[in-house]
Amino acid sequence: MSSYEEVEPARWTHVDTVAGLLATISIAASFLGLVYRPVRILPFAILLALIAAKMSARNERLAFGALAAAVVCWTLGMTIAVVTENALY
């Protein structure tokens, strides 16, 4: 008998749940930044996506999608703001 207990690799943890939630919030913030002040919102969306990617290996694909959405929305949001002469921040 050992004092070390091995954790099941298929077990869902609270960290996985929080990482998924952060990635989802990042996606929502990315789409919000697309239409409203991209310089204020999108850096936080990128930061949330990076934190979510580092937190959980189980949600890597969701975090990658959140990061891709943030980068695409950054590019489109800045382009839309410049073309329509709206405020960036």
Protein backbone atom coordinates (compact mmCIF):
# COMPACT_ATOMS: atom_id res chain seq x y z
CA MET A 1 0.00 0.00 0.00
CA SER A 2 1.25 3.43 -0.92
CA SER A 3 0.33 6.86 0.35
CA TYR A 4 0.38 8.13 -3.22
CA GLU A 5 -2.98 7.95 -4.93
CA GLU A 6 -3.04 8.15 -8.67
CA VAL A 7 -5.75 10.37 -10.15
CA GLU A 8 -7.74 8.97 -13.03
CA PRO A 9 -6.70 10.63 -16.30
CA ALA A 10 -10.30 10.67 -17.57
CA ARG A 11 -11.64 12.53 -14.53
CA TRP A 12 -13.05 16.01 -15.11
CA THR A 13 -11.75 18.54 -12.58
CA HIS A 14 -12.78 22.00 -11.48
CA VAL A 15 -9.75 23.43 -13.26
CA ASP A 16 -11.03 22.02 -16.55
CA THR A 17 -14.40 23.64 -15.92
CA VAL A 18 -12.85 27.04 -15.13
CA ALA A 19 -10.60 26.83 -18.19
CA GLY A 20 -13.61 26.09 -20.41
CA LEU A 21 -15.51 28.98 -18.85
CA LEU A 22 -12.58 31.36 -19.43
CA ALA A 23 -12.31 30.26 -23.06
CA THR A 24 -16.04 30.79 -23.55
CA ILE A 25 -15.88 34.25 -21.97
CA SER A 26 -12.94 35.02 -24.26
CA ILE A 27 -14.98 34.08 -27.34
CA ALA A 28 -17.90 36.24 -26.19
CA ALA A 29 -15.57 39.17 -25.45
CA SER A 30 -13.98 38.77 -28.88
CA PHE A 31 -17.31 39.17 -30.63
CA LEU A 32 -18.18 42.10 -28.38
CA GLY A 33 -14.85 43.72 -29.26
CA LEU A 34 -15.65 43.29 -32.92
CA VAL A 35 -18.44 45.85 -32.70
CA TYR A 36 -17.47 48.00 -29.69
CA ARG A 37 -14.05 49.52 -28.91
CA PRO A 38 -11.64 46.77 -29.98
CA VAL A 39 -8.56 48.21 -28.23
CA ARG A 40 -10.27 48.11 -24.83
CA ILE A 41 -11.85 44.66 -24.99
CA LEU A 42 -9.78 42.41 -27.25
CA PRO A 43 -6.48 42.38 -25.30
CA PHE A 44 -8.40 40.98 -22.33
CA ALA A 45 -10.01 38.38 -24.59
CA ILE A 46 -6.57 37.32 -25.82
CA LEU A 47 -5.25 37.17 -22.26
CA LEU A 48 -8.21 35.05 -21.12
CA ALA A 49 -7.67 32.65 -24.02
CA LEU A 50 -3.98 32.27 -23.17
CA ILE A 51 -4.76 31.64 -19.50
CA ALA A 52 -7.38 29.05 -20.45
CA ALA A 53 -4.90 27.30 -22.74
CA LYS A 54 -2.30 27.08 -19.98
CA MET A 55 -4.75 25.93 -17.28
CA SER A 56 -6.07 22.73 -18.81
CA ALA A 57 -4.80 20.29 -21.40
CA ARG A 58 -8.32 18.93 -21.75
CA ASN A 59 -9.66 22.22 -23.16
CA GLU A 60 -6.76 23.00 -25.49
CA ARG A 61 -8.92 22.95 -28.62
CA LEU A 62 -11.51 25.27 -27.10
CA ALA A 63 -8.77 27.65 -25.92
CA PHE A 64 -7.14 27.53 -29.38
CA GLY A 65 -10.49 28.40 -30.93
CA ALA A 66 -10.88 31.26 -28.46
CA LEU A 67 -7.43 32.58 -29.32
CA ALA A 68 -8.12 32.27 -33.05
CA ALA A 69 -11.44 34.09 -32.62
CA ALA A 70 -9.73 36.86 -30.65
CA VAL A 71 -7.05 37.38 -33.30
CA VAL A 72 -9.56 37.39 -36.17
CA CYS A 73 -11.87 39.74 -34.28
CA TRP A 74 -8.92 42.01 -33.44
CA THR A 75 -8.04 42.30 -37.12
CA LEU A 76 -11.62 42.79 -38.27
CA GLY A 77 -12.54 45.09 -35.36
CA MET A 78 -9.60 47.39 -35.98
CA THR A 79 -10.32 47.42 -39.71
CA ILE A 80 -13.99 48.23 -39.17
CA ALA A 81 -13.17 50.95 -36.64
CA VAL A 82 -10.63 52.62 -38.93
CA VAL A 83 -12.77 52.41 -42.07
CA THR A 84 -15.89 53.76 -40.34
CA GLU A 85 -13.82 56.35 -38.42
CA ASN A 86 -15.13 55.19 -35.04
CA ALA A 87 -13.18 55.38 -31.79
CA LEU A 88 -10.63 52.64 -31.23
CA TYR A 89 -10.60 52.97 -27.43
